[in-house]
Amino acid sequence: MWKPRKDDEVVPSTPASTVTPKEVRAVETPKSVNEIRAEIAHIGKSVVVKGELSGSEDLYLDGEVEGSVELRGHNLTIGPHGRVRAHIRARDVVVHGKIDGNVTADRVELKKSAIQVGNIVTQRVIVEDGAYFKGSIDIQREEKAEAKPAAKPAAAAAATASVSSSLSSTSSTAASAAPAQPSLLEPKR
């Protein structure tokens, strides 16, 4: 005669011992292509820049630049139509186009369509098969690793020796059971 509504339906109850609470996690919504593009500055393929180009955001460059590009702490991507005759400083540089100049960055990636004439100073470099490169590559160590070497090697060796001797005296029972291995704290001979 009439159909019951969903609110009127009776749901069988489950005993409290079989119900397990579910963990609730925050879900990050994926960004759309337009939102990603809004975070990166673009220089189109018809734009020509002469002089100094600097900024405080990531840059996608598909036009021409002559002079210098300064994006410390940010990424630079040179598109397939990009032509750069400049010295470049950036955190990461990805090259699809052409560079005639020196590049200084934490990471440099030359794609297969890239043409680079100039020197590269970097910590990490990737050169894909088919990329053209003429110049030199200077691999730099990370700044943290450069700051670590001690100015007083004799004091550091003495501290290392005292630490290793105290470690060896406390672990004499473990050393007798296992074959002797050199400690990482002992100086090399």
N, C-alpha and C. Protein backbone atom coordinates (compact mmCIF):
# COMPACT_ATOMS: atom_id res chain seq x y z
N MET A 1 0.81 -1.16 0.00
CA MET A 1 0.00 0.00 0.00
C MET A 1 0.87 1.25 0.00
N TRP A 2 1.82 1.41 0.88
CA TRP A 2 2.79 2.50 0.84
C TRP A 2 4.17 1.96 1.12
N LYS A 3 5.17 2.65 0.64
CA LYS A 3 6.54 2.19 0.80
C LYS A 3 7.16 2.89 2.00
N PRO A 4 7.88 2.12 2.81
CA PRO A 4 8.54 2.77 3.95
C PRO A 4 9.72 3.65 3.48
N ARG A 5 9.93 4.74 4.19
CA ARG A 5 11.05 5.62 3.89
C ARG A 5 12.34 5.02 4.48
N LYS A 6 13.46 5.54 4.01
CA LYS A 6 14.74 5.03 4.52
C LYS A 6 14.90 5.33 6.00
N ASP A 7 14.33 6.43 6.45
CA ASP A 7 14.43 6.79 7.87
C ASP A 7 13.66 5.81 8.74
N ASP A 8 12.64 5.21 8.18
CA ASP A 8 11.79 4.30 8.93
C ASP A 8 12.35 2.89 8.99
N GLU A 9 13.32 2.58 8.13
CA GLU A 9 13.85 1.22 8.11
C GLU A 9 14.61 0.93 9.40
N VAL A 10 14.53 -0.31 9.83
CA VAL A 10 15.21 -0.75 11.04
C VAL A 10 16.52 -1.41 10.63
N VAL A 11 17.61 -0.95 11.22
CA VAL A 11 18.91 -1.52 10.93
C VAL A 11 19.26 -2.46 12.07
N PRO A 12 19.62 -3.70 11.75
CA PRO A 12 19.97 -4.62 12.82
C PRO A 12 21.23 -4.12 13.54
N SER A 13 21.21 -4.19 14.84
CA SER A 13 22.35 -3.70 15.61
C SER A 13 23.40 -4.80 15.73
N THR A 14 24.64 -4.37 15.86
CA THR A 14 25.72 -5.33 16.03
C THR A 14 26.21 -5.23 17.46
N PRO A 15 26.66 -6.33 18.01
CA PRO A 15 27.17 -6.28 19.37
C PRO A 15 28.38 -5.35 19.44
N ALA A 16 28.58 -4.70 20.57
CA ALA A 16 29.65 -3.73 20.76
C ALA A 16 31.03 -4.37 20.62
N SER A 17 31.16 -5.66 20.87
CA SER A 17 32.47 -6.30 20.80
C SER A 17 32.95 -6.48 19.37
N THR A 18 32.07 -6.51 18.38
CA THR A 18 32.49 -6.70 17.00
C THR A 18 32.71 -5.39 16.26
N VAL A 19 32.34 -4.27 16.82
CA VAL A 19 32.52 -2.98 16.15
C VAL A 19 33.94 -2.49 16.40
N THR A 20 34.65 -2.19 15.31
CA THR A 20 36.01 -1.66 15.44
C THR A 20 36.01 -0.22 14.96
N PRO A 21 36.64 0.67 15.71
CA PRO A 21 36.69 2.06 15.27
C PRO A 21 37.60 2.19 14.05
N LYS A 22 37.21 3.04 13.14
CA LYS A 22 38.01 3.26 11.94
C LYS A 22 38.84 4.50 12.10
N GLU A 23 40.05 4.41 11.59
CA GLU A 23 40.97 5.54 11.67
C GLU A 23 40.58 6.56 10.61
N VAL A 24 40.55 7.82 11.00
CA VAL A 24 40.20 8.89 10.09
C VAL A 24 41.48 9.62 9.71
N ARG A 25 41.73 9.72 8.42
CA ARG A 25 42.92 10.38 7.93
C ARG A 25 42.53 11.58 7.08
N ALA A 26 43.33 12.62 7.18
CA ALA A 26 43.11 13.78 6.33
C ALA A 26 43.60 13.45 4.93
N VAL A 27 42.83 13.80 3.93
CA VAL A 27 43.18 13.51 2.56
C VAL A 27 43.52 14.81 1.86
N GLU A 28 44.69 14.83 1.24
CA GLU A 28 45.10 16.01 0.49
C GLU A 28 44.50 15.91 -0.90
N THR A 29 43.77 16.93 -1.27
CA THR A 29 43.16 16.91 -2.59
C THR A 29 44.22 17.22 -3.64
N PRO A 30 44.21 16.49 -4.73
CA PRO A 30 45.21 16.75 -5.77
C PRO A 30 44.99 18.11 -6.40
N LYS A 31 46.08 18.76 -6.76
CA LYS A 31 45.98 20.08 -7.37
C LYS A 31 45.69 19.94 -8.85
N SER A 32 44.89 20.83 -9.35
CA SER A 32 44.59 20.81 -10.78
C SER A 32 45.76 21.42 -11.54
N VAL A 33 45.77 21.24 -12.84
CA VAL A 33 46.84 21.75 -13.68
C VAL A 33 46.91 23.27 -13.57
N ASN A 34 45.76 23.93 -13.49
CA ASN A 34 45.74 25.39 -13.39
C ASN A 34 46.34 25.87 -12.08
N GLU A 35 46.11 25.15 -10.98
CA GLU A 35 46.70 25.53 -9.69
C GLU A 35 48.21 25.36 -9.72
N ILE A 36 48.69 24.30 -10.36
CA ILE A 36 50.13 24.08 -10.46
C ILE A 36 50.76 25.17 -11.30
N ARG A 37 50.11 25.54 -12.40
CA ARG A 37 50.64 26.60 -13.26
C ARG A 37 50.66 27.94 -12.53
N ALA A 38 49.72 28.16 -11.63
CA ALA A 38 49.66 29.42 -10.89
C ALA A 38 50.86 29.57 -9.95
N GLU A 39 51.46 28.46 -9.52
CA GLU A 39 52.59 28.50 -8.61
C GLU A 39 53.92 28.70 -9.33
N ILE A 40 53.93 28.60 -10.65
CA ILE A 40 55.15 28.72 -11.43
C ILE A 40 54.98 29.89 -12.40
N ALA A 41 55.97 30.78 -12.43
CA ALA A 41 55.95 31.88 -13.39
C ALA A 41 56.33 31.34 -14.77
N HIS A 42 55.73 31.90 -15.81
CA HIS A 42 55.96 31.44 -17.18
C HIS A 42 56.48 32.58 -18.04
N ILE A 43 57.45 32.27 -18.87
CA ILE A 43 57.88 33.18 -19.92
C ILE A 43 57.65 32.43 -21.22
N GLY A 44 56.70 32.92 -22.00
CA GLY A 44 56.28 32.24 -23.22
C GLY A 44 57.33 32.30 -24.31
N LYS A 45 57.10 31.51 -25.38
CA LYS A 45 58.11 31.37 -26.43
C LYS A 45 58.26 32.62 -27.29
N SER A 46 57.32 33.56 -27.22
CA SER A 46 57.47 34.79 -28.01
C SER A 46 58.11 35.93 -27.21
N VAL A 47 58.45 35.69 -25.94
CA VAL A 47 59.00 36.74 -25.08
C VAL A 47 60.53 36.72 -25.16
N VAL A 48 61.13 37.93 -25.30
CA VAL A 48 62.58 38.09 -25.32
C VAL A 48 62.96 39.01 -24.17
N VAL A 49 63.88 38.54 -23.31
CA VAL A 49 64.33 39.32 -22.15
C VAL A 49 65.82 39.57 -22.32
N LYS A 50 66.22 40.85 -22.20
CA LYS A 50 67.65 41.20 -22.24
C LYS A 50 67.97 41.92 -20.94
N GLY A 51 68.94 41.37 -20.21
CA GLY A 51 69.32 41.95 -18.93
C GLY A 51 69.28 40.91 -17.84
N GLU A 52 69.03 41.39 -16.60
CA GLU A 52 69.03 40.50 -15.45
C GLU A 52 67.61 40.04 -15.15
N LEU A 53 67.45 38.74 -15.02
CA LEU A 53 66.16 38.14 -14.68
C LEU A 53 66.31 37.49 -13.33
N SER A 54 65.54 37.95 -12.34
CA SER A 54 65.61 37.35 -11.01
C SER A 54 64.20 37.21 -10.47
N GLY A 55 64.05 36.32 -9.48
CA GLY A 55 62.73 36.12 -8.92
C GLY A 55 62.78 35.26 -7.68
N SER A 56 61.64 35.19 -7.01
CA SER A 56 61.53 34.40 -5.79
C SER A 56 60.44 33.35 -5.93
N GLU A 57 60.32 32.79 -7.12
CA GLU A 57 59.40 31.68 -7.37
C GLU A 57 59.97 30.84 -8.51
N ASP A 58 59.43 29.67 -8.68
CA ASP A 58 59.87 28.79 -9.75
C ASP A 58 59.53 29.43 -11.10
N LEU A 59 60.33 29.12 -12.12
CA LEU A 59 60.16 29.75 -13.43
C LEU A 59 60.21 28.70 -14.52
N TYR A 60 59.27 28.79 -15.45
CA TYR A 60 59.27 27.98 -16.66
C TYR A 60 59.57 28.94 -17.80
N LEU A 61 60.69 28.75 -18.46
CA LEU A 61 61.16 29.68 -19.48
C LEU A 61 61.12 28.99 -20.83
N ASP A 62 60.28 29.51 -21.73
CA ASP A 62 60.18 28.94 -23.07
C ASP A 62 60.54 29.98 -24.12
N GLY A 63 60.96 31.17 -23.69
CA GLY A 63 61.34 32.25 -24.60
C GLY A 63 62.84 32.39 -24.66
N GLU A 64 63.28 33.63 -24.94
CA GLU A 64 64.71 33.91 -25.03
C GLU A 64 65.13 34.84 -23.92
N VAL A 65 66.30 34.54 -23.32
CA VAL A 65 66.87 35.39 -22.28
C VAL A 65 68.34 35.59 -22.60
N GLU A 66 68.77 36.85 -22.50
CA GLU A 66 70.17 37.18 -22.70
C GLU A 66 70.61 38.04 -21.53
N GLY A 67 71.62 37.60 -20.79
CA GLY A 67 72.09 38.34 -19.62
C GLY A 67 72.39 37.40 -18.47
N SER A 68 71.56 37.46 -17.40
CA SER A 68 71.74 36.55 -16.27
C SER A 68 70.38 36.18 -15.68
N VAL A 69 70.33 34.96 -15.15
CA VAL A 69 69.11 34.46 -14.50
C VAL A 69 69.48 34.08 -13.08
N GLU A 70 68.82 34.70 -12.10
CA GLU A 70 69.13 34.50 -10.68
C GLU A 70 67.85 34.06 -9.96
N LEU A 71 67.76 32.77 -9.64
CA LEU A 71 66.60 32.21 -8.94
C LEU A 71 67.08 31.38 -7.76
N ARG A 72 67.85 31.95 -6.88
CA ARG A 72 68.41 31.18 -5.75
C ARG A 72 67.27 30.60 -4.92
N GLY A 73 67.38 29.30 -4.65
CA GLY A 73 66.38 28.63 -3.84
C GLY A 73 65.13 28.24 -4.61
N HIS A 74 65.10 28.44 -5.92
CA HIS A 74 63.93 28.10 -6.72
C HIS A 74 64.34 27.35 -7.98
N ASN A 75 63.36 26.75 -8.63
CA ASN A 75 63.61 25.89 -9.78
C ASN A 75 63.48 26.67 -11.08
N LEU A 76 64.28 26.28 -12.06
CA LEU A 76 64.20 26.85 -13.40
C LEU A 76 64.05 25.70 -14.37
N THR A 77 63.02 25.78 -15.21
CA THR A 77 62.83 24.80 -16.27
C THR A 77 62.90 25.54 -17.59
N ILE A 78 63.80 25.13 -18.44
CA ILE A 78 63.92 25.73 -19.76
C ILE A 78 63.20 24.81 -20.73
N GLY A 79 62.12 25.31 -21.30
CA GLY A 79 61.28 24.52 -22.19
C GLY A 79 61.95 24.22 -23.51
N PRO A 80 61.29 23.44 -24.36
CA PRO A 80 61.89 23.03 -25.62
C PRO A 80 62.16 24.19 -26.58
N HIS A 81 61.43 25.30 -26.45
CA HIS A 81 61.66 26.47 -27.30
C HIS A 81 62.57 27.49 -26.62
N GLY A 82 62.98 27.22 -25.38
CA GLY A 82 63.80 28.16 -24.61
C GLY A 82 65.20 28.30 -25.16
N ARG A 83 65.64 29.54 -25.27
CA ARG A 83 67.00 29.85 -25.73
C ARG A 83 67.59 30.82 -24.72
N VAL A 84 68.63 30.39 -24.00
CA VAL A 84 69.21 31.20 -22.94
C VAL A 84 70.68 31.45 -23.24
N ARG A 85 71.05 32.71 -23.33
CA ARG A 85 72.45 33.11 -23.44
C ARG A 85 72.74 33.90 -22.17
N ALA A 86 72.95 33.16 -21.08
CA ALA A 86 73.08 33.82 -19.77
C ALA A 86 73.77 32.88 -18.79
N HIS A 87 74.25 33.47 -17.71
CA HIS A 87 74.74 32.70 -16.58
C HIS A 87 73.55 32.47 -15.66
N ILE A 88 73.40 31.23 -15.19
CA ILE A 88 72.20 30.83 -14.44
C ILE A 88 72.60 30.40 -13.04
N ARG A 89 71.85 30.88 -12.05
CA ARG A 89 71.96 30.41 -10.66
C ARG A 89 70.55 30.06 -10.20
N ALA A 90 70.36 28.80 -9.79
CA ALA A 90 69.06 28.35 -9.30
C ALA A 90 69.27 27.12 -8.44
N ARG A 91 68.21 26.67 -7.75
CA ARG A 91 68.32 25.45 -6.95
C ARG A 91 68.36 24.24 -7.86
N ASP A 92 67.34 24.08 -8.70
CA ASP A 92 67.28 22.97 -9.66
C ASP A 92 67.09 23.57 -11.05
N VAL A 93 67.80 23.03 -12.04
CA VAL A 93 67.67 23.48 -13.42
C VAL A 93 67.39 22.25 -14.28
N VAL A 94 66.29 22.30 -15.02
CA VAL A 94 65.93 21.24 -15.96
C VAL A 94 65.93 21.88 -17.34
N VAL A 95 66.70 21.30 -18.27
CA VAL A 95 66.88 21.91 -19.58
C VAL A 95 66.31 20.99 -20.66
N HIS A 96 65.34 21.55 -21.40
CA HIS A 96 64.82 20.89 -22.60
C HIS A 96 65.31 21.62 -23.84
N GLY A 97 65.64 22.90 -23.70
CA GLY A 97 66.03 23.77 -24.81
C GLY A 97 67.52 23.96 -24.89
N LYS A 98 67.93 25.23 -25.12
CA LYS A 98 69.35 25.53 -25.37
C LYS A 98 69.88 26.55 -24.37
N ILE A 99 71.08 26.27 -23.83
CA ILE A 99 71.77 27.21 -22.93
C ILE A 99 73.16 27.47 -23.49
N ASP A 100 73.51 28.74 -23.57
CA ASP A 100 74.86 29.13 -23.91
C ASP A 100 75.35 29.98 -22.74
N GLY A 101 75.96 29.34 -21.74
CA GLY A 101 76.41 30.03 -20.54
C GLY A 101 76.63 29.03 -19.42
N ASN A 102 77.11 29.54 -18.30
CA ASN A 102 77.41 28.69 -17.15
C ASN A 102 76.17 28.51 -16.28
N VAL A 103 76.07 27.32 -15.67
CA VAL A 103 74.95 27.00 -14.78
C VAL A 103 75.51 26.62 -13.42
N THR A 104 74.99 27.27 -12.36
CA THR A 104 75.35 26.92 -11.00
C THR A 104 74.05 26.56 -10.29
N ALA A 105 73.94 25.32 -9.81
CA ALA A 105 72.71 24.86 -9.18
C ALA A 105 73.01 23.66 -8.30
N ASP A 106 72.06 23.32 -7.41
CA ASP A 106 72.19 22.10 -6.60
C ASP A 106 72.03 20.86 -7.47
N ARG A 107 71.13 20.96 -8.46
CA ARG A 107 70.84 19.82 -9.32
C ARG A 107 70.60 20.31 -10.73
N VAL A 108 71.25 19.70 -11.72
CA VAL A 108 71.08 20.07 -13.12
C VAL A 108 70.68 18.82 -13.88
N GLU A 109 69.65 18.95 -14.69
CA GLU A 109 69.17 17.82 -15.50
C GLU A 109 69.08 18.26 -16.95
N LEU A 110 69.86 17.60 -17.80
CA LEU A 110 69.83 17.87 -19.24
C LEU A 110 69.01 16.77 -19.91
N LYS A 111 67.85 17.14 -20.42
CA LYS A 111 66.98 16.18 -21.10
C LYS A 111 67.54 15.86 -22.47
N LYS A 112 66.97 14.88 -23.17
CA LYS A 112 67.54 14.42 -24.43
C LYS A 112 67.51 15.49 -25.51
N SER A 113 66.63 16.48 -25.41
CA SER A 113 66.57 17.55 -26.40
C SER A 113 67.43 18.75 -26.02
N ALA A 114 68.15 18.67 -24.91
CA ALA A 114 68.92 19.81 -24.38
C ALA A 114 70.22 20.01 -25.15
N ILE A 115 70.61 21.31 -25.25
CA ILE A 115 71.90 21.69 -25.80
C ILE A 115 72.52 22.65 -24.81
N GLN A 116 73.66 22.28 -24.24
CA GLN A 116 74.33 23.11 -23.22
C GLN A 116 75.76 23.36 -23.67
N VAL A 117 76.11 24.63 -23.83
CA VAL A 117 77.49 25.01 -24.11
C VAL A 117 77.90 25.93 -22.97
N GLY A 118 78.73 25.41 -22.09
CA GLY A 118 79.16 26.16 -20.92
C GLY A 118 79.43 25.21 -19.77
N ASN A 119 79.89 25.76 -18.68
CA ASN A 119 80.27 24.95 -17.52
C ASN A 119 79.10 24.76 -16.57
N ILE A 120 79.13 23.64 -15.85
CA ILE A 120 78.12 23.34 -14.85
C ILE A 120 78.82 23.15 -13.51
N VAL A 121 78.32 23.84 -12.48
CA VAL A 121 78.79 23.65 -11.11
C VAL A 121 77.57 23.18 -10.33
N THR A 122 77.62 21.96 -9.80
CA THR A 122 76.44 21.37 -9.18
C THR A 122 76.83 20.30 -8.17
N GLN A 123 75.83 19.85 -7.41
CA GLN A 123 76.02 18.71 -6.52
C GLN A 123 75.58 17.41 -7.20
N ARG A 124 74.55 17.52 -8.04
CA ARG A 124 74.02 16.36 -8.76
C ARG A 124 73.76 16.76 -10.20
N VAL A 125 74.08 15.87 -11.13
CA VAL A 125 73.85 16.15 -12.54
C VAL A 125 73.28 14.90 -13.21
N ILE A 126 72.32 15.13 -14.11
CA ILE A 126 71.72 14.06 -14.89
C ILE A 126 71.78 14.49 -16.35
N VAL A 127 72.41 13.66 -17.19
CA VAL A 127 72.50 13.94 -18.61
C VAL A 127 71.88 12.76 -19.34
N GLU A 128 70.72 13.00 -19.95
CA GLU A 128 70.03 11.93 -20.67
C GLU A 128 70.74 11.63 -21.98
N ASP A 129 70.56 10.41 -22.45
CA ASP A 129 71.12 9.98 -23.71
C ASP A 129 70.53 10.84 -24.83
N GLY A 130 71.38 11.45 -25.63
CA GLY A 130 70.92 12.30 -26.73
C GLY A 130 71.12 13.79 -26.45
N ALA A 131 71.36 14.16 -25.19
CA ALA A 131 71.61 15.57 -24.86
C ALA A 131 72.99 15.95 -25.36
N TYR A 132 73.15 17.23 -25.77
CA TYR A 132 74.44 17.74 -26.22
C TYR A 132 75.01 18.62 -25.14
N PHE A 133 76.25 18.35 -24.73
CA PHE A 133 76.91 19.14 -23.69
C PHE A 133 78.35 19.38 -24.09
N LYS A 134 78.76 20.66 -24.05
CA LYS A 134 80.16 21.01 -24.30
C LYS A 134 80.58 21.96 -23.20
N GLY A 135 81.49 21.51 -22.37
CA GLY A 135 81.95 22.31 -21.25
C GLY A 135 82.51 21.40 -20.18
N SER A 136 82.56 21.92 -18.96
CA SER A 136 83.06 21.10 -17.85
C SER A 136 82.00 21.02 -16.77
N ILE A 137 82.09 19.94 -15.99
CA ILE A 137 81.18 19.75 -14.87
C ILE A 137 82.02 19.70 -13.60
N ASP A 138 81.68 20.55 -12.66
CA ASP A 138 82.36 20.58 -11.37
C ASP A 138 81.36 20.12 -10.32
N ILE A 139 81.57 18.93 -9.80
CA ILE A 139 80.67 18.37 -8.79
C ILE A 139 81.11 18.90 -7.42
N GLN A 140 80.24 19.61 -6.76
CA GLN A 140 80.51 20.18 -5.44
C GLN A 140 79.88 19.28 -4.39
N ARG A 141 80.53 19.21 -3.24
CA ARG A 141 79.93 18.49 -2.12
C ARG A 141 78.88 19.38 -1.50
N GLU A 142 77.96 18.75 -0.76
CA GLU A 142 76.93 19.53 -0.08
C GLU A 142 77.58 20.44 0.95
N GLU A 143 76.97 21.59 1.21
CA GLU A 143 77.54 22.57 2.13
C GLU A 143 77.70 22.01 3.52
N LYS A 144 76.79 21.16 3.97
CA LYS A 144 76.88 20.56 5.30
C LYS A 144 78.14 19.70 5.42
N ALA A 145 78.46 18.96 4.35
CA ALA A 145 79.63 18.09 4.37
C ALA A 145 80.91 18.92 4.35
N GLU A 146 80.90 20.08 3.68
CA GLU A 146 82.09 20.93 3.63
C GLU A 146 82.38 21.55 4.98
N ALA A 147 81.34 21.85 5.76
CA ALA A 147 81.53 22.50 7.06
C ALA A 147 82.02 21.51 8.12
N LYS A 148 81.90 20.20 7.87
CA LYS A 148 82.24 19.20 8.86
C LYS A 148 83.73 18.99 9.11
N PRO A 149 84.62 19.05 8.10
CA PRO A 149 86.02 18.76 8.38
C PRO A 149 86.58 19.65 9.48
N ALA A 150 87.25 19.00 10.43
CA ALA A 150 87.74 19.73 11.61
C ALA A 150 88.97 20.54 11.24
N ALA A 151 89.06 21.73 11.86
CA ALA A 151 90.21 22.60 11.63
C ALA A 151 91.41 22.09 12.40
N LYS A 152 91.17 21.30 13.46
CA LYS A 152 92.25 20.77 14.29
C LYS A 152 92.22 19.25 14.21
N PRO A 153 92.89 18.65 13.21
CA PRO A 153 92.83 17.20 13.07
C PRO A 153 93.47 16.45 14.23
N ALA A 154 94.48 17.02 14.89
CA ALA A 154 95.13 16.32 16.01
C ALA A 154 94.18 16.20 17.19
N ALA A 155 93.43 17.27 17.47
CA ALA A 155 92.46 17.22 18.57
C ALA A 155 91.33 16.26 18.24
N ALA A 156 90.90 16.23 16.99
CA ALA A 156 89.83 15.32 16.59
C ALA A 156 90.30 13.88 16.70
N ALA A 157 91.55 13.60 16.32
CA ALA A 157 92.08 12.24 16.40
C ALA A 157 92.21 11.79 17.85
N ALA A 158 92.62 12.72 18.72
CA ALA A 158 92.74 12.38 20.14
C ALA A 158 91.37 12.09 20.74
N ALA A 159 90.37 12.88 20.37
CA ALA A 159 89.02 12.64 20.88
C ALA A 159 88.48 11.33 20.35
N THR A 160 88.77 11.02 19.09
CA THR A 160 88.32 9.75 18.51
C THR A 160 88.99 8.58 19.19
N ALA A 161 90.28 8.70 19.48
CA ALA A 161 91.01 7.61 20.13
C ALA A 161 90.48 7.37 21.54
N SER A 162 90.16 8.44 22.28
CA SER A 162 89.65 8.25 23.64
C SER A 162 88.26 7.63 23.61
N VAL A 163 87.44 8.00 22.63
CA VAL A 163 86.11 7.40 22.52
C VAL A 163 86.24 5.94 22.15
N SER A 164 87.13 5.61 21.19
CA SER A 164 87.25 4.22 20.78
C SER A 164 87.84 3.35 21.89
N SER A 165 88.76 3.91 22.69
CA SER A 165 89.31 3.11 23.78
C SER A 165 88.28 2.87 24.86
N SER A 166 87.43 3.85 25.12
CA SER A 166 86.38 3.62 26.13
C SER A 166 85.34 2.66 25.60
N LEU A 167 85.07 2.69 24.30
CA LEU A 167 84.13 1.74 23.72
C LEU A 167 84.69 0.33 23.76
N SER A 168 85.99 0.18 23.48
CA SER A 168 86.57 -1.16 23.46
C SER A 168 86.65 -1.76 24.86
N SER A 169 86.84 -0.94 25.89
CA SER A 169 86.92 -1.48 27.24
C SER A 169 85.55 -1.91 27.75
N THR A 170 84.50 -1.24 27.31
CA THR A 170 83.16 -1.61 27.76
C THR A 170 82.60 -2.79 27.00
N SER A 171 83.10 -3.05 25.80
CA SER A 171 82.55 -4.14 25.01
C SER A 171 83.55 -5.28 24.85
N SER A 172 84.33 -5.58 25.85
CA SER A 172 85.33 -6.64 25.74
C SER A 172 84.68 -8.01 25.66
N THR A 173 83.53 -8.22 26.30
CA THR A 173 82.88 -9.52 26.22
C THR A 173 82.30 -9.75 24.84
N ALA A 174 81.77 -8.72 24.22
CA ALA A 174 81.22 -8.87 22.88
C ALA A 174 82.33 -9.06 21.86
N ALA A 175 83.47 -8.44 22.09
CA ALA A 175 84.58 -8.56 21.15
C ALA A 175 85.18 -9.96 21.20
N SER A 176 85.19 -10.61 22.37
CA SER A 176 85.77 -11.94 22.45
C SER A 176 84.89 -12.98 21.77
N ALA A 177 83.59 -12.75 21.70
CA ALA A 177 82.68 -13.71 21.08
C ALA A 177 82.66 -13.56 19.57
N ALA A 178 82.84 -12.33 19.04
CA ALA A 178 82.74 -12.10 17.61
C ALA A 178 84.12 -11.77 17.05
N PRO A 179 84.32 -12.01 15.74
CA PRO A 179 85.61 -11.65 15.14
C PRO A 179 85.79 -10.13 15.17
N ALA A 180 87.03 -9.69 15.30
CA ALA A 180 87.32 -8.26 15.44
C ALA A 180 87.05 -7.54 14.14
N GLN A 181 86.30 -6.43 14.22
CA GLN A 181 86.04 -5.58 13.08
C GLN A 181 86.50 -4.18 13.43
N PRO A 182 87.02 -3.45 12.47
CA PRO A 182 87.48 -2.10 12.78
C PRO A 182 86.30 -1.20 13.13
N SER A 183 86.52 -0.33 14.08
CA SER A 183 85.49 0.59 14.51
C SER A 183 85.44 1.78 13.56
N LEU A 184 84.26 2.34 13.39
CA LEU A 184 84.13 3.52 12.55
C LEU A 184 84.77 4.73 13.21
N LEU A 185 84.96 4.66 14.50
CA LEU A 185 85.51 5.79 15.25
C LEU A 185 87.03 5.80 15.26
N GLU A 186 87.65 4.68 14.91
CA GLU A 186 89.11 4.61 14.94
C GLU A 186 89.68 5.28 13.70
N PRO A 187 90.81 5.99 13.84
CA PRO A 187 91.43 6.60 12.66
C PRO A 187 92.00 5.54 11.74
N LYS A 188 91.98 5.83 10.43
CA LYS A 188 92.50 4.89 9.44
C LYS A 188 94.02 4.86 9.50
N ARG A 189 94.61 3.70 9.25
CA ARG A 189 96.08 3.57 9.30
C ARG A 189 96.64 3.46 7.93
